[in-house]
Protein backbone atom coordinates (compact mmCIF):
# COMPACT_ATOMS: atom_id res chain seq x y z
CA MET A 1 -40.64 -174.51 20.17
CA THR A 2 -44.34 -175.44 18.99
CA ASP A 3 -45.98 -173.13 15.87
CA ILE A 4 -49.47 -173.46 15.59
CA GLU A 5 -51.46 -171.94 13.02
CA ILE A 6 -55.03 -172.07 13.00
CA TYR A 7 -57.85 -170.65 9.36
CA THR A 8 -60.75 -168.76 10.64
CA LYS A 9 -63.07 -166.24 9.93
CA GLU A 10 -65.09 -163.61 12.47
CA TRP A 11 -68.43 -164.98 14.41
CA CYS A 12 -67.73 -168.97 13.41
CA PRO A 13 -67.93 -170.34 16.87
CA TYR A 14 -66.35 -173.73 16.13
CA CYS A 15 -62.91 -171.63 15.76
CA ALA A 16 -64.16 -169.48 18.79
CA LYS A 17 -63.75 -173.12 20.43
CA ALA A 18 -60.72 -173.99 19.26
CA LYS A 19 -59.35 -170.72 20.57
CA ALA A 20 -60.46 -170.98 23.97
CA LEU A 21 -59.69 -174.84 23.58
CA LEU A 22 -55.34 -173.96 22.82
CA ARG A 23 -55.79 -171.13 25.42
CA THR A 24 -57.21 -173.13 27.92
CA LYS A 25 -54.18 -175.22 27.71
CA GLY A 26 -51.63 -172.20 28.10
CA LEU A 27 -50.65 -172.51 24.17
CA ALA A 28 -49.81 -169.73 22.10
CA TYR A 29 -51.09 -169.46 17.89
CA ARG A 30 -51.41 -167.96 15.14
CA GLU A 31 -54.52 -166.61 13.76
CA LEU A 32 -55.36 -165.99 9.93
CA ASP A 33 -58.69 -165.25 9.23
CA VAL A 34 -60.08 -166.10 6.15
CA GLY A 35 -63.37 -163.86 6.35
CA GLY A 36 -63.05 -161.45 2.89
CA ASP A 37 -59.98 -162.33 1.88
CA LEU A 38 -60.13 -164.93 -1.25
CA ALA A 39 -56.49 -165.53 -1.52
CA ARG A 40 -56.15 -166.56 2.40
CA GLU A 41 -59.12 -168.46 2.14
CA GLN A 42 -58.03 -170.81 -1.06
CA GLU A 43 -54.77 -170.93 0.82
CA MET A 44 -56.82 -172.40 3.20
CA ILE A 45 -58.52 -175.41 0.92
CA GLU A 46 -55.27 -175.89 -1.38
CA ARG A 47 -53.37 -176.78 2.13
CA SER A 48 -55.93 -178.16 4.08
CA GLY A 49 -58.12 -179.91 1.73
CA MET A 50 -61.26 -178.61 3.35
CA ARG A 51 -64.25 -175.73 3.09
CA THR A 52 -64.43 -175.30 6.33
CA VAL A 53 -63.15 -172.92 9.07
CA PRO A 54 -61.64 -173.70 11.17
CA GLN A 55 -58.37 -175.68 10.10
CA VAL A 56 -55.56 -176.15 12.27
CA PHE A 57 -52.08 -177.02 12.01
CA ILE A 58 -49.42 -177.91 13.78
CA ASN A 59 -45.79 -177.68 13.14
CA GLY A 60 -47.28 -177.50 9.38
CA GLU A 61 -48.99 -180.57 10.22
CA SER A 62 -52.95 -180.34 9.25
CA ILE A 63 -54.67 -181.12 12.56
CA GLY A 64 -58.04 -180.54 10.93
CA GLY A 65 -61.56 -178.84 12.34
CA TYR A 66 -62.27 -178.07 15.73
CA ASP A 67 -63.90 -182.28 16.09
CA ALA A 68 -60.48 -183.13 15.40
CA LEU A 69 -58.83 -180.74 17.73
CA ALA A 70 -61.00 -181.31 20.33
CA GLY A 71 -60.89 -185.34 20.14
CA LEU A 72 -57.09 -185.50 20.03
CA ASN A 73 -57.19 -183.55 23.36
CA ALA A 74 -59.94 -185.47 24.82
CA SER A 75 -57.96 -188.69 23.82
CA GLY A 76 -54.80 -187.07 25.64
CA GLU A 77 -53.18 -187.31 22.17
CA LEU A 78 -52.19 -183.56 21.92
CA ASP A 79 -50.78 -183.56 24.92
CA ARG A 80 -48.21 -186.13 24.02
CA ARG A 81 -47.38 -184.44 21.07
CA LEU A 82 -47.40 -180.95 22.53
CA GLY A 83 -45.46 -182.79 25.44
CA LEU A 84 -47.10 -181.41 28.24
CA ALA A 85 -48.04 -183.32 31.60
CA VAL A 86 -51.24 -184.37 32.32
CA ARG A 87 -53.12 -183.96 35.50
CA GLU A 88 -53.82 -185.66 37.85
CA LEU A 89 -56.95 -185.82 40.00
CA THR A 90 -56.76 -187.33 43.78
CA THR A 91 -59.85 -185.59 45.53
CA ILE A 92 -63.49 -186.80 45.59
CA TYR A 93 -65.68 -184.40 44.97
CA ASP A 94 -69.22 -183.50 46.00
CA VAL A 95 -70.76 -183.58 42.56
CA ALA A 96 -69.53 -184.22 39.56
CA VAL A 97 -71.25 -182.91 36.35
CA ILE A 98 -70.87 -184.14 32.83
CA GLY A 99 -71.37 -181.04 29.95
CA ALA A 100 -70.54 -177.13 29.46
CA GLY A 101 -73.86 -176.62 27.65
CA PRO A 102 -76.49 -174.29 29.77
CA ALA A 103 -77.77 -176.92 32.35
CA GLY A 104 -73.84 -178.17 32.99
CA LEU A 105 -73.15 -175.01 33.83
CA VAL A 106 -75.80 -173.73 35.88
CA ALA A 107 -75.91 -177.14 37.50
CA SER A 108 -72.34 -176.36 38.31
CA LEU A 109 -73.89 -172.68 39.63
CA TYR A 110 -75.77 -174.18 42.22
CA ALA A 111 -73.91 -177.05 43.50
CA ALA A 112 -71.28 -174.56 44.48
CA ARG A 113 -73.85 -172.32 46.03
CA LYS A 114 -74.65 -174.52 47.93
CA ASN A 115 -70.95 -175.48 49.14
CA LEU A 116 -70.50 -179.03 47.54
CA SER A 117 -67.43 -179.23 46.23
CA THR A 118 -68.13 -179.77 42.39
CA VAL A 119 -65.67 -180.25 39.10
CA LEU A 120 -67.63 -179.58 35.58
CA VAL A 121 -65.76 -181.79 33.31
CA ALA A 122 -66.61 -181.18 29.10
CA LEU A 123 -65.58 -182.17 25.74
CA ASP A 124 -65.89 -177.58 25.29
CA VAL A 125 -67.96 -174.56 27.09
CA GLY A 126 -71.19 -174.26 24.81
CA GLY A 127 -72.94 -177.06 23.68
CA GLN A 128 -75.31 -176.18 21.14
CA VAL A 129 -76.19 -172.70 22.01
CA GLY A 130 -72.39 -172.34 21.61
CA THR A 131 -72.90 -172.70 18.24
CA THR A 132 -76.39 -170.89 17.95
CA HIS A 133 -76.51 -167.81 15.56
CA GLU A 134 -78.97 -165.93 17.64
CA VAL A 135 -81.22 -166.86 20.69
CA ALA A 136 -84.91 -164.70 20.84
CA ASN A 137 -86.46 -166.23 24.09
CA TYR A 138 -84.53 -166.43 26.74
CA PRO A 139 -86.22 -164.12 29.12
CA GLY A 140 -84.61 -161.10 30.39
CA LEU A 141 -81.89 -160.81 27.32
CA GLY A 142 -83.91 -160.41 24.33
CA VAL A 143 -82.12 -161.00 21.27
CA VAL A 144 -78.53 -162.57 22.40
CA LYS A 145 -75.91 -164.33 19.86
CA GLY A 146 -75.35 -168.39 21.80
CA PRO A 147 -71.75 -167.57 22.03
CA ASP A 148 -72.76 -163.97 24.70
CA LEU A 149 -75.30 -166.13 26.44
CA ILE A 150 -72.95 -169.20 26.94
CA GLU A 151 -70.26 -166.45 28.23
CA ARG A 152 -72.44 -164.65 30.54
CA LEU A 153 -73.46 -167.87 32.63
CA TYR A 154 -69.92 -169.44 32.32
CA GLU A 155 -68.59 -165.57 34.04
CA GLN A 156 -70.94 -166.63 36.71
CA VAL A 157 -69.76 -170.20 36.72
CA ARG A 158 -65.49 -168.54 37.12
CA GLU A 159 -66.40 -166.72 40.33
CA TYR A 160 -67.32 -170.04 41.98
CA ARG A 161 -64.10 -172.82 42.83
CA ILE A 162 -65.42 -174.87 41.07
CA ASP A 163 -62.20 -177.04 39.44
CA GLN A 164 -62.77 -177.36 35.66
CA LEU A 165 -61.09 -180.34 33.21
CA ILE A 166 -62.78 -179.20 29.72
CA GLY A 167 -61.55 -181.04 26.72
CA GLU A 168 -62.18 -183.81 28.62
CA ARG A 169 -64.57 -187.03 27.58
CA VAL A 170 -65.72 -188.71 29.66
CA THR A 171 -66.28 -192.11 28.26
CA ALA A 172 -68.01 -194.53 30.48
CA ILE A 173 -69.42 -193.61 34.64
CA SER A 174 -69.36 -197.06 36.93
CA VAL A 175 -70.38 -197.49 40.73
CA ASP A 176 -68.10 -198.66 43.71
CA GLN A 177 -70.11 -198.39 46.20
CA ARG A 178 -70.86 -194.74 47.34
CA ILE A 179 -67.80 -193.59 44.59
CA ARG A 180 -69.63 -193.15 41.41
CA ILE A 181 -66.98 -193.27 38.82
CA LEU A 182 -66.02 -191.38 35.26
CA LYS A 183 -63.73 -193.19 32.71
CA THR A 184 -62.38 -190.37 30.00
CA ALA A 185 -60.92 -190.81 26.77
CA SER A 186 -57.59 -189.37 28.53
CA GLY A 187 -57.55 -192.21 30.66
CA ARG A 188 -57.87 -190.04 33.82
CA ASP A 189 -60.70 -191.37 36.65
CA VAL A 190 -63.29 -188.15 38.13
CA CYS A 191 -64.51 -189.48 41.08
CA GLY A 192 -67.32 -188.13 42.57
CA ARG A 193 -70.25 -188.71 45.47
CA CYS A 194 -72.82 -187.49 43.27
CA VAL A 195 -72.83 -187.14 39.20
CA ILE A 196 -75.32 -184.84 37.00
CA ILE A 197 -75.36 -185.74 33.47
CA ALA A 198 -75.67 -183.03 31.44
CA THR A 199 -74.37 -183.58 28.33
CA GLY A 200 -76.65 -182.23 25.57
CA ALA A 201 -77.69 -183.43 22.00
CA GLN A 202 -75.63 -183.07 18.69
CA LYS A 203 -76.20 -183.30 15.15
CA ARG A 204 -77.77 -186.08 14.07
CA HIS A 205 -75.77 -186.88 10.52
CA LEU A 206 -77.37 -188.70 7.32
CA ASN A 207 -75.12 -192.21 7.44
CA ILE A 208 -75.77 -192.17 3.55
CA PRO A 209 -73.26 -192.94 0.98
CA GLY A 210 -70.23 -190.14 0.52
CA GLU A 211 -71.18 -188.45 3.82
CA LYS A 212 -68.79 -189.30 5.59
CA GLU A 213 -66.07 -189.30 2.89
CA LEU A 214 -66.96 -185.73 1.50
CA THR A 215 -67.26 -184.08 5.26
CA GLY A 216 -65.50 -181.05 4.93
CA LYS A 217 -64.55 -181.19 1.58
CA GLY A 218 -68.44 -180.03 0.63
CA VAL A 219 -70.37 -182.23 3.21
CA VAL A 220 -71.18 -179.47 6.65
CA TYR A 221 -73.10 -179.00 9.69
CA CYS A 222 -73.13 -175.14 10.93
CA SER A 223 -74.25 -172.91 7.65
CA THR A 224 -73.00 -169.83 10.08
CA CYS A 225 -69.29 -171.15 10.17
CA ASP A 226 -69.02 -172.33 6.70
CA GLY A 227 -70.89 -170.80 4.84
CA PRO A 228 -69.20 -168.17 3.37
CA LEU A 229 -66.92 -170.55 1.70
CA PHE A 230 -69.62 -171.21 -0.13
CA ARG A 231 -70.59 -168.01 -2.27
CA GLY A 232 -71.63 -168.35 -5.35
CA LEU A 233 -71.81 -171.54 -5.37
CA ASP A 234 -74.74 -174.11 -5.66
CA ILE A 235 -75.88 -176.06 -2.38
CA ALA A 236 -78.73 -178.30 -1.05
CA ILE A 237 -79.94 -178.06 2.38
CA VAL A 238 -81.53 -181.23 3.86
CA GLY A 239 -83.74 -180.58 6.81
CA GLY A 240 -87.11 -178.90 7.40
CA GLY A 241 -87.05 -177.68 10.91
CA ASN A 242 -86.39 -175.11 12.17
CA SER A 243 -82.13 -175.29 11.39
CA GLY A 244 -82.75 -176.39 7.44
CA LEU A 245 -85.05 -173.66 7.24
CA GLU A 246 -82.41 -170.92 9.30
CA ALA A 247 -79.95 -172.02 7.16
CA ALA A 248 -81.66 -171.98 3.36
CA ILE A 249 -82.24 -167.88 4.95
CA GLU A 250 -79.27 -167.91 5.96
CA MET A 251 -77.76 -169.08 2.66
CA ASP A 252 -80.70 -166.96 0.90
CA GLY A 253 -77.90 -164.62 -1.48
CA VAL A 254 -74.56 -166.09 -0.62
CA ALA A 255 -74.90 -169.37 -2.30
CA ARG A 256 -76.14 -168.81 -6.24
CA ARG A 257 -78.22 -172.00 -5.93
CA VAL A 258 -80.19 -173.22 -2.86
CA THR A 259 -82.09 -176.05 -2.95
CA LEU A 260 -83.86 -177.60 0.66
CA ILE A 261 -84.93 -180.38 0.26
CA SER A 262 -87.09 -182.39 2.90
CA ARG A 263 -88.46 -186.12 3.37
CA ASP A 264 -91.79 -184.63 4.52
CA ASP A 265 -93.50 -181.26 4.76
CA TRP A 266 -91.62 -178.53 7.06
CA THR A 267 -91.83 -179.08 10.64
CA GLY A 268 -90.22 -175.68 11.94
CA ASP A 269 -91.86 -172.83 12.71
CA HIS A 270 -94.07 -170.76 10.67
CA VAL A 271 -92.23 -167.50 10.62
CA LEU A 272 -89.37 -169.42 9.45
CA GLN A 273 -91.43 -171.25 7.07
CA ASP A 274 -93.03 -167.62 5.68
CA LYS A 275 -89.53 -166.13 4.72
CA VAL A 276 -88.39 -169.06 3.24
CA SER A 277 -91.04 -169.27 1.10
CA MET A 278 -90.36 -165.75 0.36
CA SER A 279 -86.31 -166.32 -0.87
CA ALA A 280 -85.15 -167.79 -3.43
CA THR A 281 -84.81 -171.07 -2.25
CA GLU A 282 -85.87 -173.97 -4.61
CA VAL A 283 -87.91 -176.30 -2.67
CA LEU A 284 -88.48 -180.35 -2.39
CA LYS A 285 -90.58 -181.59 -0.28
CA TYR A 286 -90.88 -185.85 0.13
CA HIS A 287 -87.36 -186.29 -0.99
CA GLU A 288 -85.07 -187.70 0.97
CA PRO A 289 -81.36 -188.07 -0.14
CA VAL A 290 -79.27 -191.57 -0.55
CA ASP A 291 -76.13 -190.70 -2.32
CA ILE A 292 -73.71 -187.95 -2.53
CA ARG A 293 -71.11 -187.82 -5.31
CA GLY A 294 -67.25 -186.57 -5.11
CA SER A 295 -63.85 -187.68 -4.92
CA ASP A 296 -61.98 -185.09 -3.57
CA LYS A 297 -64.92 -182.65 -3.92
CA VAL A 298 -68.61 -182.94 -3.39
CA THR A 299 -70.02 -182.64 -7.11
CA GLY A 300 -73.67 -183.86 -6.50
CA LEU A 301 -76.78 -185.31 -4.45
CA VAL A 302 -78.64 -188.52 -5.45
CA VAL A 303 -82.16 -187.74 -4.00
CA LYS A 304 -85.26 -190.12 -3.99
CA SER A 305 -88.82 -188.91 -4.22
CA THR A 306 -90.68 -190.67 -1.30
CA LYS A 307 -94.20 -190.94 -3.51
CA THR A 308 -92.85 -191.96 -6.91
CA GLY A 309 -89.37 -193.90 -5.50
CA THR A 310 -88.54 -192.01 -8.82
CA SER A 311 -84.23 -191.03 -8.52
CA ARG A 312 -82.36 -187.86 -9.73
CA THR A 313 -78.94 -186.58 -9.37
CA LEU A 314 -78.84 -182.35 -8.25
CA PRO A 315 -75.28 -180.74 -9.21
CA VAL A 316 -73.74 -179.11 -6.06
CA ASP A 317 -71.02 -178.36 -4.73
CA GLY A 318 -71.80 -178.35 -1.42
CA VAL A 319 -74.76 -180.66 1.17
CA PHE A 320 -75.68 -178.58 4.06
CA ILE A 321 -76.78 -181.30 6.75
CA GLU A 322 -79.61 -179.71 9.55
CA VAL A 323 -81.67 -183.29 10.07
CA GLY A 324 -82.09 -182.98 13.79
CA LEU A 325 -80.44 -183.97 16.56
CA TYR A 326 -79.52 -187.63 19.64
CA PRO A 327 -78.84 -187.59 23.07
CA ASN A 328 -75.38 -187.65 24.33
CA THR A 329 -75.93 -190.62 25.93
CA ASP A 330 -73.76 -193.16 25.21
CA LEU A 331 -71.66 -193.00 28.33
CA ALA A 332 -74.68 -194.15 30.31
CA LEU A 333 -76.58 -196.59 27.94
CA ASP A 334 -75.51 -199.61 29.95
CA LEU A 335 -76.13 -198.16 32.77
CA LEU A 336 -78.99 -196.01 33.13
CA ASP A 337 -82.76 -196.74 32.45
CA CYS A 338 -83.05 -195.16 29.32
CA ASN A 339 -86.41 -194.11 26.03
CA GLU A 340 -86.33 -195.25 23.02
CA ARG A 341 -84.53 -192.51 21.71
CA GLY A 342 -81.38 -193.16 23.83
CA GLU A 343 -82.44 -190.03 26.61
CA ILE A 344 -82.32 -190.57 29.86
CA LYS A 345 -85.42 -191.33 32.13
CA VAL A 346 -85.52 -188.91 35.58
CA ASP A 347 -88.23 -188.62 38.40
CA ALA A 348 -89.19 -184.86 39.20
CA HIS A 349 -86.10 -184.07 40.89
CA GLY A 350 -84.37 -184.72 37.76
CA GLN A 351 -83.25 -188.26 40.03
CA THR A 352 -82.29 -191.80 37.37
CA GLY A 353 -83.08 -195.04 38.77
CA VAL A 354 -79.16 -195.06 40.17
CA PRO A 355 -78.89 -192.91 43.33
CA GLY A 356 -76.66 -190.49 43.16
CA ILE A 357 -76.88 -190.06 39.34
CA PHE A 358 -78.62 -186.90 38.48
CA ALA A 359 -79.27 -185.44 34.59
CA ALA A 360 -80.40 -182.40 32.84
CA GLY A 361 -81.30 -180.44 29.51
CA ASP A 362 -80.77 -182.06 26.08
CA ALA A 363 -80.01 -185.71 27.52
CA ILE A 364 -82.55 -186.75 29.45
CA ASP A 365 -86.33 -187.54 28.07
CA THR A 366 -88.73 -184.80 27.95
CA HIS A 367 -90.36 -183.17 25.20
CA ASP A 368 -89.39 -179.85 24.86
CA LYS A 369 -85.80 -178.76 24.58
CA GLN A 370 -84.99 -175.37 25.26
CA ILE A 371 -82.36 -173.49 27.00
CA ILE A 372 -84.52 -171.68 29.37
CA MET A 373 -85.77 -175.10 30.43
CA ALA A 374 -82.68 -176.81 30.57
CA ALA A 375 -81.20 -174.25 32.57
CA GLY A 376 -83.50 -175.22 34.96
CA GLN A 377 -83.16 -178.56 34.86
CA GLY A 378 -79.98 -178.28 35.30
CA ALA A 379 -80.33 -176.58 39.00
CA ARG A 380 -83.34 -178.68 39.59
CA ALA A 381 -80.48 -181.37 39.74
CA ALA A 382 -78.72 -179.69 41.65
CA LEU A 383 -80.54 -178.90 44.44
CA GLY A 384 -81.52 -182.71 44.15
CA ALA A 385 -78.08 -183.60 44.91
CA PHE A 386 -77.94 -181.70 47.71
CA GLU A 387 -80.72 -183.50 49.02
CA TYR A 388 -79.49 -186.39 48.58
CA LEU A 389 -76.36 -185.77 50.31
CA VAL A 390 -77.59 -184.60 52.92
CA LYS A 391 -79.02 -187.77 53.34
CA GLN A 392 -76.05 -190.12 53.19
CA VAL A 393 -74.43 -187.82 56.32
């Protein structure tokens, strides 16, 4: 019998994603809530060596956090460890949608409503919105939590006959005459007459010494998830956009000292700038991080002035990285025309340069990245796919 334990805390979107992934595989687990329980929090840190949630254990073995669990699942290794049967696919779908953020969910919904056989392939459900604390500008909903918005969209998707492969990572797309083939990390192929790429974007890393080695040991990328684990400690937040400013606001009063570091002047919304300016956050503009110090945990961050070139070390226990996003388009760079940032170029119908392949959301070369725009682009791509298929008959 498999024993699965998962350390979580309330309103941790990555915890929710990890639990949802386990549920989609029909797996039972024991949830250990570290929120407000200092003894259990310390137990998690000692067992895993990590100061971030969730932390997953299978038969007492530390698997890691959500990314590690999702990676094992996408590669098929999790199924092999648990002795689960692999689902084989023989159907050629009208539309294969890659990604289950707002663009992918809406694209699936519109394709199904056009009576197209549809499969939704995604590493998880929600994308960036699934890890967003609050959304205040989605029409008709007022202020809503990101996961709640995703759940509303996903609930509509579940009303239709849409096959779902959640937990799969698509690694490449190929074309064989009229069929588009999705290659997955687990080794399965998914075939469709049309493909809609809605893979979104992910958080950018600093790529400096110490970052990779200390990820989860003081280097974190989600203040909402992991911020409470740094209560009473000194932290640095890197980033001057909305994400960095929001993290500074969230951590003010939680951490003992918060230092907000940005390479240039702030670029985030003025309302957020005003809130940070009125907080106890220490501001360090025109500096860039160059090295994260520590062995088993973060002990310091070396920053360099972009004006004078002088460096100094900030004694901190945590480094929160909030430096923007980059598109998840590696699967299509060799096939599709992309701009210098790796964003896919599309026409007014969401069509890429390859017939039958469409794209939507943060993966495409639009200037503004907004949830409502991604949803609209998902609908546009599905309608474009329908028109394309009608003309092929």
